[in-house]
Amino acid sequence: MSERGRITLRVRVVPRASANGVASRAGVLVARVTAPPVEGRANEAALRAVAKALGVAPSEVLLVRGATGRTKTLSVPASAAEALARMLK
């Protein structure tokens, strides 16, 4: 979905993983982060991991919904559409 130059997407976060990384599984991005799900640390790590994977600044990735759950809705700039399409292939 695109709104005002931004794209919203669903991301499944897996905290306490052995390494940080972002991959696609069944049309959903999966962000594996080493941070624990305590005091928003896994959320922050997931935002940084998604930003790195899409080639945008971490400040451009916004958490829209799902702060306490594992499935998050994020908003990224429309300029990341091409990188996102490649990841979801």
PDB file of N, CA and C in Angstrom:
ATOM      1  N   MET A   1       0.843  -1.158   0.000  1.00  0.00           N
ATOM      2  CA  MET A   1       0.000   0.000   0.000  1.00  0.00           C
ATOM      3  C   MET A   1       0.897   1.233   0.000  1.00  0.00           C
ATOM      4  N   SER A   2       0.527   2.244  -0.736  1.00  0.00           N
ATOM      5  CA  SER A   2       1.325   3.457  -0.817  1.00  0.00           C
ATOM      6  C   SER A   2       0.483   4.653  -0.412  1.00  0.00           C
ATOM      7  N   GLU A   3       1.067   5.528   0.389  1.00  0.00           N
ATOM      8  CA  GLU A   3       0.344   6.695   0.856  1.00  0.00           C
ATOM      9  C   GLU A   3       1.335   7.837   1.062  1.00  0.00           C
ATOM     10  N   ARG A   4       1.117   8.955   0.386  1.00  0.00           N
ATOM     11  CA  ARG A   4       1.957  10.142   0.521  1.00  0.00           C
ATOM     12  C   ARG A   4       3.451   9.833   0.364  1.00  0.00           C
ATOM     13  N   GLY A   5       3.785   9.107  -0.662  1.00  0.00           N
ATOM     14  CA  GLY A   5       5.183   8.823  -0.906  1.00  0.00           C
ATOM     15  C   GLY A   5       5.770   7.773   0.018  1.00  0.00           C
ATOM     16  N   ARG A   6       4.914   6.994   0.665  1.00  0.00           N
ATOM     17  CA  ARG A   6       5.372   5.954   1.587  1.00  0.00           C
ATOM     18  C   ARG A   6       4.681   4.637   1.266  1.00  0.00           C
ATOM     19  N   ILE A   7       5.311   3.560   1.664  1.00  0.00           N
ATOM     20  CA  ILE A   7       4.779   2.217   1.464  1.00  0.00           C
ATOM     21  C   ILE A   7       4.646   1.568   2.835  1.00  0.00           C
ATOM     22  N   THR A   8       3.511   0.908   3.088  1.00  0.00           N
ATOM     23  CA  THR A   8       3.369   0.151   4.328  1.00  0.00           C
ATOM     24  C   THR A   8       3.571  -1.316   4.027  1.00  0.00           C
ATOM     25  N   LEU A   9       4.196  -2.016   4.957  1.00  0.00           N
ATOM     26  CA  LEU A   9       4.457  -3.437   4.767  1.00  0.00           C
ATOM     27  C   LEU A   9       4.430  -4.159   6.092  1.00  0.00           C
ATOM     28  N   ARG A  10       4.160  -5.452   6.015  1.00  0.00           N
ATOM     29  CA  ARG A  10       4.152  -6.294   7.211  1.00  0.00           C
ATOM     30  C   ARG A  10       5.510  -6.959   7.359  1.00  0.00           C
ATOM     31  N   VAL A  11       5.985  -6.984   8.589  1.00  0.00           N
ATOM     32  CA  VAL A  11       7.268  -7.609   8.904  1.00  0.00           C
ATOM     33  C   VAL A  11       7.081  -8.477  10.143  1.00  0.00           C
ATOM     34  N   ARG A  12       7.527  -9.695  10.057  1.00  0.00           N
ATOM     35  CA  ARG A  12       7.520 -10.608  11.205  1.00  0.00           C
ATOM     36  C   ARG A  12       8.889 -10.512  11.866  1.00  0.00           C
ATOM     37  N   VAL A  13       8.939 -10.228  13.152  1.00  0.00           N
ATOM     38  CA  VAL A  13      10.202 -10.065  13.868  1.00  0.00           C
ATOM     39  C   VAL A  13      10.479 -11.304  14.710  1.00  0.00           C
ATOM     40  N   VAL A  14      11.708 -11.818  14.580  1.00  0.00           N
ATOM     41  CA  VAL A  14      12.156 -12.964  15.368  1.00  0.00           C
ATOM     42  C   VAL A  14      13.286 -12.466  16.272  1.00  0.00           C
ATOM     43  N   PRO A  15      12.985 -12.206  17.549  1.00  0.00           N
ATOM     44  CA  PRO A  15      14.024 -11.712  18.459  1.00  0.00           C
ATOM     45  C   PRO A  15      14.944 -12.844  18.913  1.00  0.00           C
ATOM     46  N   ARG A  16      16.076 -12.464  19.471  1.00  0.00           N
ATOM     47  CA  ARG A  16      17.069 -13.396  20.013  1.00  0.00           C
ATOM     48  C   ARG A  16      17.562 -14.399  18.980  1.00  0.00           C
ATOM     49  N   ALA A  17      17.661 -13.974  17.744  1.00  0.00           N
ATOM     50  CA  ALA A  17      18.205 -14.829  16.683  1.00  0.00           C
ATOM     51  C   ALA A  17      19.729 -14.855  16.818  1.00  0.00           C
ATOM     52  N   SER A  18      20.366 -15.771  16.105  1.00  0.00           N
ATOM     53  CA  SER A  18      21.824 -15.875  16.193  1.00  0.00           C
ATOM     54  C   SER A  18      22.524 -14.753  15.424  1.00  0.00           C
ATOM     55  N   ALA A  19      21.835 -14.158  14.457  1.00  0.00           N
ATOM     56  CA  ALA A  19      22.415 -13.061  13.667  1.00  0.00           C
ATOM     57  C   ALA A  19      21.290 -12.168  13.157  1.00  0.00           C
ATOM     58  N   ASN A  20      21.621 -10.913  12.872  1.00  0.00           N
ATOM     59  CA  ASN A  20      20.646  -9.985  12.304  1.00  0.00           C
ATOM     60  C   ASN A  20      20.529 -10.221  10.800  1.00  0.00           C
ATOM     61  N   GLY A  21      19.319 -10.122  10.274  1.00  0.00           N
ATOM     62  CA  GLY A  21      19.117 -10.248   8.841  1.00  0.00           C
ATOM     63  C   GLY A  21      17.651 -10.150   8.482  1.00  0.00           C
ATOM     64  N   VAL A  22      17.391  -9.871   7.215  1.00  0.00           N
ATOM     65  CA  VAL A  22      16.019  -9.753   6.720  1.00  0.00           C
ATOM     66  C   VAL A  22      15.884 -10.656   5.502  1.00  0.00           C
ATOM     67  N   ALA A  23      14.808 -11.440   5.468  1.00  0.00           N
ATOM     68  CA  ALA A  23      14.530 -12.327   4.344  1.00  0.00           C
ATOM     69  C   ALA A  23      13.027 -12.306   4.071  1.00  0.00           C
ATOM     70  N   SER A  24      12.627 -12.925   2.985  1.00  0.00           N
ATOM     71  CA  SER A  24      11.218 -13.000   2.626  1.00  0.00           C
ATOM     72  C   SER A  24      10.739 -14.437   2.786  1.00  0.00           C
ATOM     73  N   ARG A  25       9.546 -14.576   3.368  1.00  0.00           N
ATOM     74  CA  ARG A  25       8.943 -15.901   3.507  1.00  0.00           C
ATOM     75  C   ARG A  25       7.441 -15.752   3.291  1.00  0.00           C
ATOM     76  N   ALA A  26       6.938 -16.388   2.270  1.00  0.00           N
ATOM     77  CA  ALA A  26       5.509 -16.370   1.946  1.00  0.00           C
ATOM     78  C   ALA A  26       4.972 -14.948   1.773  1.00  0.00           C
ATOM     79  N   GLY A  27       5.753 -14.092   1.116  1.00  0.00           N
ATOM     80  CA  GLY A  27       5.304 -12.736   0.832  1.00  0.00           C
ATOM     81  C   GLY A  27       5.373 -11.769   1.995  1.00  0.00           C
ATOM     82  N   VAL A  28       5.990 -12.198   3.095  1.00  0.00           N
ATOM     83  CA  VAL A  28       6.143 -11.346   4.271  1.00  0.00           C
ATOM     84  C   VAL A  28       7.624 -11.256   4.596  1.00  0.00           C
ATOM     85  N   LEU A  29       8.090 -10.062   4.916  1.00  0.00           N
ATOM     86  CA  LEU A  29       9.477  -9.925   5.329  1.00  0.00           C
ATOM     87  C   LEU A  29       9.633 -10.468   6.748  1.00  0.00           C
ATOM     88  N   VAL A  30      10.729 -11.167   6.974  1.00  0.00           N
ATOM     89  CA  VAL A  30      11.047 -11.694   8.295  1.00  0.00           C
ATOM     90  C   VAL A  30      12.366 -11.059   8.720  1.00  0.00           C
ATOM     91  N   ALA A  31      12.327 -10.330   9.824  1.00  0.00           N
ATOM     92  CA  ALA A  31      13.526  -9.685  10.357  1.00  0.00           C
ATOM     93  C   ALA A  31      13.997 -10.479  11.570  1.00  0.00           C
ATOM     94  N   ARG A  32      15.154 -11.084  11.440  1.00  0.00           N
ATOM     95  CA  ARG A  32      15.756 -11.801  12.564  1.00  0.00           C
ATOM     96  C   ARG A  32      16.747 -10.847  13.221  1.00  0.00           C
ATOM     97  N   VAL A  33      16.586 -10.660  14.533  1.00  0.00           N
ATOM     98  CA  VAL A  33      17.451  -9.730  15.256  1.00  0.00           C
ATOM     99  C   VAL A  33      17.992 -10.401  16.513  1.00  0.00           C
ATOM    100  N   THR A  34      19.192 -10.026  16.887  1.00  0.00           N
ATOM    101  CA  THR A  34      19.818 -10.613  18.072  1.00  0.00           C
ATOM    102  C   THR A  34      19.287  -9.996  19.364  1.00  0.00           C
ATOM    103  N   ALA A  35      18.669  -8.848  19.280  1.00  0.00           N
ATOM    104  CA  ALA A  35      18.159  -8.147  20.461  1.00  0.00           C
ATOM    105  C   ALA A  35      16.994  -8.899  21.100  1.00  0.00           C
ATOM    106  N   PRO A  36      16.879  -8.801  22.416  1.00  0.00           N
ATOM    107  CA  PRO A  36      15.737  -9.426  23.101  1.00  0.00           C
ATOM    108  C   PRO A  36      14.491  -8.540  22.979  1.00  0.00           C
ATOM    109  N   PRO A  37      13.313  -9.130  23.159  1.00  0.00           N
ATOM    110  CA  PRO A  37      12.074  -8.348  23.075  1.00  0.00           C
ATOM    111  C   PRO A  37      11.776  -7.625  24.384  1.00  0.00           C
ATOM    112  N   VAL A  38      12.713  -6.814  24.830  1.00  0.00           N
ATOM    113  CA  VAL A  38      12.589  -6.104  26.099  1.00  0.00           C
ATOM    114  C   VAL A  38      12.796  -4.616  25.858  1.00  0.00           C
ATOM    115  N   GLU A  39      11.897  -3.800  26.407  1.00  0.00           N
ATOM    116  CA  GLU A  39      12.006  -2.346  26.327  1.00  0.00           C
ATOM    117  C   GLU A  39      12.189  -1.814  24.908  1.00  0.00           C
ATOM    118  N   GLY A  40      11.565  -2.474  23.937  1.00  0.00           N
ATOM    119  CA  GLY A  40      11.611  -2.001  22.552  1.00  0.00           C
ATOM    120  C   GLY A  40      12.915  -2.249  21.821  1.00  0.00           C
ATOM    121  N   ARG A  41      13.839  -2.998  22.429  1.00  0.00           N
ATOM    122  CA  ARG A  41      15.133  -3.231  21.769  1.00  0.00           C
ATOM    123  C   ARG A  41      14.994  -4.045  20.490  1.00  0.00           C
ATOM    124  N   ALA A  42      14.117  -5.044  20.473  1.00  0.00           N
ATOM    125  CA  ALA A  42      13.921  -5.842  19.256  1.00  0.00           C
ATOM    126  C   ALA A  42      13.279  -4.987  18.166  1.00  0.00           C
ATOM    127  N   ASN A  43      12.360  -4.106  18.537  1.00  0.00           N
ATOM    128  CA  ASN A  43      11.737  -3.208  17.557  1.00  0.00           C
ATOM    129  C   ASN A  43      12.784  -2.312  16.915  1.00  0.00           C
ATOM    130  N   GLU A  44      13.632  -1.701  17.732  1.00  0.00           N
ATOM    131  CA  GLU A  44      14.670  -0.811  17.212  1.00  0.00           C
ATOM    132  C   GLU A  44      15.625  -1.563  16.293  1.00  0.00           C
ATOM    133  N   ALA A  45      16.015  -2.763  16.702  1.00  0.00           N
ATOM    134  CA  ALA A  45      16.921  -3.565  15.885  1.00  0.00           C
ATOM    135  C   ALA A  45      16.255  -3.969  14.571  1.00  0.00           C
ATOM    136  N   ALA A  46      14.959  -4.282  14.615  1.00  0.00           N
ATOM    137  CA  ALA A  46      14.236  -4.656  13.404  1.00  0.00           C
ATOM    138  C   ALA A  46      14.143  -3.481  12.436  1.00  0.00           C
ATOM    139  N   LEU A  47      13.881  -2.286  12.957  1.00  0.00           N
ATOM    140  CA  LEU A  47      13.811  -1.101  12.101  1.00  0.00           C
ATOM    141  C   LEU A  47      15.156  -0.845  11.429  1.00  0.00           C
ATOM    142  N   ARG A  48      16.244  -0.991  12.193  1.00  0.00           N
ATOM    143  CA  ARG A  48      17.581  -0.802  11.615  1.00  0.00           C
ATOM    144  C   ARG A  48      17.877  -1.873  10.558  1.00  0.00           C
ATOM    145  N   ALA A  49      17.491  -3.122  10.824  1.00  0.00           N
ATOM    146  CA  ALA A  49      17.754  -4.212   9.878  1.00  0.00           C
ATOM    147  C   ALA A  49      16.972  -4.016   8.579  1.00  0.00           C
ATOM    148  N   VAL A  50      15.715  -3.614   8.683  1.00  0.00           N
ATOM    149  CA  VAL A  50      14.895  -3.380   7.491  1.00  0.00           C
ATOM    150  C   VAL A  50      15.455  -2.200   6.706  1.00  0.00           C
ATOM    151  N   ALA A  51      15.855  -1.149   7.408  1.00  0.00           N
ATOM    152  CA  ALA A  51      16.430   0.022   6.734  1.00  0.00           C
ATOM    153  C   ALA A  51      17.684  -0.372   5.960  1.00  0.00           C
ATOM    154  N   LYS A  52      18.540  -1.145   6.575  1.00  0.00           N
ATOM    155  CA  LYS A  52      19.773  -1.580   5.912  1.00  0.00           C
ATOM    156  C   LYS A  52      19.456  -2.442   4.693  1.00  0.00           C
ATOM    157  N   ALA A  53      18.504  -3.365   4.836  1.00  0.00           N
ATOM    158  CA  ALA A  53      18.139  -4.253   3.730  1.00  0.00           C
ATOM    159  C   ALA A  53      17.545  -3.488   2.552  1.00  0.00           C
ATOM    160  N   LEU A  54      16.823  -2.414   2.837  1.00  0.00           N
ATOM    161  CA  LEU A  54      16.171  -1.635   1.776  1.00  0.00           C
ATOM    162  C   LEU A  54      17.029  -0.469   1.292  1.00  0.00           C
ATOM    163  N   GLY A  55      18.139  -0.215   1.959  1.00  0.00           N
ATOM    164  CA  GLY A  55      19.030   0.861   1.539  1.00  0.00           C
ATOM    165  C   GLY A  55      18.520   2.252   1.851  1.00  0.00           C
ATOM    166  N   VAL A  56      17.822   2.384   2.964  1.00  0.00           N
ATOM    167  CA  VAL A  56      17.340   3.693   3.390  1.00  0.00           C
ATOM    168  C   VAL A  56      17.873   3.984   4.793  1.00  0.00           C
ATOM    169  N   ALA A  57      17.778   5.228   5.217  1.00  0.00           N
ATOM    170  CA  ALA A  57      18.217   5.606   6.557  1.00  0.00           C
ATOM    171  C   ALA A  57      17.276   5.010   7.602  1.00  0.00           C
ATOM    172  N   PRO A  58      17.808   4.586   8.734  1.00  0.00           N
ATOM    173  CA  PRO A  58      16.946   4.035   9.791  1.00  0.00           C
ATOM    174  C   PRO A  58      15.842   4.999  10.232  1.00  0.00           C
ATOM    175  N   SER A  59      16.098   6.286  10.166  1.00  0.00           N
ATOM    176  CA  SER A  59      15.084   7.266  10.570  1.00  0.00           C
ATOM    177  C   SER A  59      13.906   7.320   9.597  1.00  0.00           C
ATOM    178  N   GLU A  60      14.057   6.753   8.407  1.00  0.00           N
ATOM    179  CA  GLU A  60      12.982   6.756   7.412  1.00  0.00           C
ATOM    180  C   GLU A  60      12.043   5.564   7.553  1.00  0.00           C
ATOM    181  N   VAL A  61      12.377   4.604   8.411  1.00  0.00           N
ATOM    182  CA  VAL A  61      11.531   3.430   8.644  1.00  0.00           C
ATOM    183  C   VAL A  61      10.747   3.682   9.922  1.00  0.00           C
ATOM    184  N   LEU A  62       9.426   3.682   9.813  1.00  0.00           N
ATOM    185  CA  LEU A  62       8.559   4.007  10.942  1.00  0.00           C
ATOM    186  C   LEU A  62       7.721   2.802  11.347  1.00  0.00           C
ATOM    187  N   LEU A  63       7.572   2.609  12.646  1.00  0.00           N
ATOM    188  CA  LEU A  63       6.701   1.570  13.181  1.00  0.00           C
ATOM    189  C   LEU A  63       5.289   2.137  13.250  1.00  0.00           C
ATOM    190  N   VAL A  64       4.374   1.542  12.475  1.00  0.00           N
ATOM    191  CA  VAL A  64       2.998   2.040  12.415  1.00  0.00           C
ATOM    192  C   VAL A  64       2.112   1.284  13.395  1.00  0.00           C
ATOM    193  N   ARG A  65       2.300  -0.026  13.476  1.00  0.00           N
ATOM    194  CA  ARG A  65       1.430  -0.872  14.293  1.00  0.00           C
ATOM    195  C   ARG A  65       2.207  -2.104  14.731  1.00  0.00           C
ATOM    196  N   GLY A  66       1.881  -2.607  15.922  1.00  0.00           N
ATOM    197  CA  GLY A  66       2.459  -3.866  16.375  1.00  0.00           C
ATOM    198  C   GLY A  66       3.648  -3.732  17.298  1.00  0.00           C
ATOM    199  N   ALA A  67       3.693  -2.696  18.101  1.00  0.00           N
ATOM    200  CA  ALA A  67       4.846  -2.457  18.974  1.00  0.00           C
ATOM    201  C   ALA A  67       5.098  -3.596  19.948  1.00  0.00           C
ATOM    202  N   THR A  68       4.051  -4.306  20.373  1.00  0.00           N
ATOM    203  CA  THR A  68       4.247  -5.367  21.357  1.00  0.00           C
ATOM    204  C   THR A  68       4.115  -6.770  20.775  1.00  0.00           C
ATOM    205  N   GLY A  69       3.700  -6.884  19.528  1.00  0.00           N
ATOM    206  CA  GLY A  69       3.568  -8.203  18.913  1.00  0.00           C
ATOM    207  C   GLY A  69       4.746  -8.505  18.013  1.00  0.00           C
ATOM    208  N   ARG A  70       4.789  -9.705  17.491  1.00  0.00           N
ATOM    209  CA  ARG A  70       5.875 -10.083  16.590  1.00  0.00           C
ATOM    210  C   ARG A  70       5.632  -9.635  15.160  1.00  0.00           C
ATOM    211  N   THR A  71       4.374  -9.449  14.782  1.00  0.00           N
ATOM    212  CA  THR A  71       4.067  -8.970  13.444  1.00  0.00           C
ATOM    213  C   THR A  71       3.877  -7.464  13.503  1.00  0.00           C
ATOM    214  N   LYS A  72       4.704  -6.762  12.744  1.00  0.00           N
ATOM    215  CA  LYS A  72       4.713  -5.298  12.743  1.00  0.00           C
ATOM    216  C   LYS A  72       4.211  -4.773  11.409  1.00  0.00           C
ATOM    217  N   THR A  73       3.649  -3.594  11.419  1.00  0.00           N
ATOM    218  CA  THR A  73       3.363  -2.854  10.200  1.00  0.00           C
ATOM    219  C   THR A  73       4.326  -1.682  10.192  1.00  0.00           C
ATOM    220  N   LEU A  74       5.130  -1.609   9.139  1.00  0.00           N
ATOM    221  CA  LEU A  74       6.120  -0.556   9.001  1.00  0.00           C
ATOM    222  C   LEU A  74       5.783   0.326   7.815  1.00  0.00           C
ATOM    223  N   SER A  75       6.272   1.545   7.854  1.00  0.00           N
ATOM    224  CA  SER A  75       6.132   2.486   6.756  1.00  0.00           C
ATOM    225  C   SER A  75       7.535   2.866   6.297  1.00  0.00           C
ATOM    226  N   VAL A  76       7.768   2.720   4.990  1.00  0.00           N
ATOM    227  CA  VAL A  76       9.078   3.055   4.413  1.00  0.00           C
ATOM    228  C   VAL A  76       8.861   4.016   3.256  1.00  0.00           C
ATOM    229  N   PRO A  77       9.891   4.775   2.876  1.00  0.00           N
ATOM    230  CA  PRO A  77       9.729   5.703   1.752  1.00  0.00           C
ATOM    231  C   PRO A  77       9.488   4.955   0.440  1.00  0.00           C
ATOM    232  N   ALA A  78       8.741   5.578  -0.452  1.00  0.00           N
ATOM    233  CA  ALA A  78       8.439   4.969  -1.749  1.00  0.00           C
ATOM    234  C   ALA A  78       9.708   4.689  -2.549  1.00  0.00           C
ATOM    235  N   SER A  79      10.789   5.387  -2.249  1.00  0.00           N
ATOM    236  CA  SER A  79      12.046   5.148  -2.962  1.00  0.00           C
ATOM    237  C   SER A  79      12.602   3.751  -2.701  1.00  0.00           C
ATOM    238  N   ALA A  80      12.088   3.062  -1.694  1.00  0.00           N
ATOM    239  CA  ALA A  80      12.543   1.707  -1.372  1.00  0.00           C
ATOM    240  C   ALA A  80      11.730   0.637  -2.102  1.00  0.00           C
ATOM    241  N   ALA A  81      10.799   1.043  -2.968  1.00  0.00           N
ATOM    242  CA  ALA A  81       9.906   0.086  -3.636  1.00  0.00           C
ATOM    243  C   ALA A  81      10.659  -0.951  -4.459  1.00  0.00           C
ATOM    244  N   GLU A  82      11.667  -0.523  -5.183  1.00  0.00           N
ATOM    245  CA  GLU A  82      12.412  -1.455  -6.026  1.00  0.00           C
ATOM    246  C   GLU A  82      13.162  -2.485  -5.178  1.00  0.00           C
ATOM    247  N   ALA A  83      13.816  -2.045  -4.131  1.00  0.00           N
ATOM    248  CA  ALA A  83      14.544  -2.967  -3.241  1.00  0.00           C
ATOM    249  C   ALA A  83      13.561  -3.913  -2.566  1.00  0.00           C
ATOM    250  N   LEU A  84      12.402  -3.418  -2.179  1.00  0.00           N
ATOM    251  CA  LEU A  84      11.380  -4.253  -1.542  1.00  0.00           C
ATOM    252  C   LEU A  84      10.877  -5.308  -2.511  1.00  0.00           C
ATOM    253  N   ALA A  85      10.621  -4.930  -3.750  1.00  0.00           N
ATOM    254  CA  ALA A  85      10.158  -5.887  -4.761  1.00  0.00           C
ATOM    255  C   ALA A  85      11.191  -6.995  -4.979  1.00  0.00           C
ATOM    256  N   ARG A  86      12.472  -6.638  -5.013  1.00  0.00           N
ATOM    257  CA  ARG A  86      13.526  -7.646  -5.161  1.00  0.00           C
ATOM    258  C   ARG A  86      13.541  -8.611  -3.978  1.00  0.00           C
ATOM    259  N   MET A  87      13.360  -8.101  -2.797  1.00  0.00           N
ATOM    260  CA  MET A  87      13.383  -8.950  -1.605  1.00  0.00           C
ATOM    261  C   MET A  87      12.207  -9.903  -1.560  1.00  0.00           C
ATOM    262  N   LEU A  88      11.054  -9.458  -2.028  1.00  0.00           N
ATOM    263  CA  LEU A  88       9.850 -10.281  -1.944  1.00  0.00           C
ATOM    264  C   LEU A  88       9.720 -11.297  -3.073  1.00  0.00           C
ATOM    265  N   LYS A  89      10.645 -11.270  -4.045  1.00  0.00           N
ATOM    266  CA  LYS A  89      10.586 -12.234  -5.146  1.00  0.00           C
ATOM    267  C   LYS A  89      10.838 -13.628  -4.674  1.00  0.00           C
TER     268      LYS A  89
END
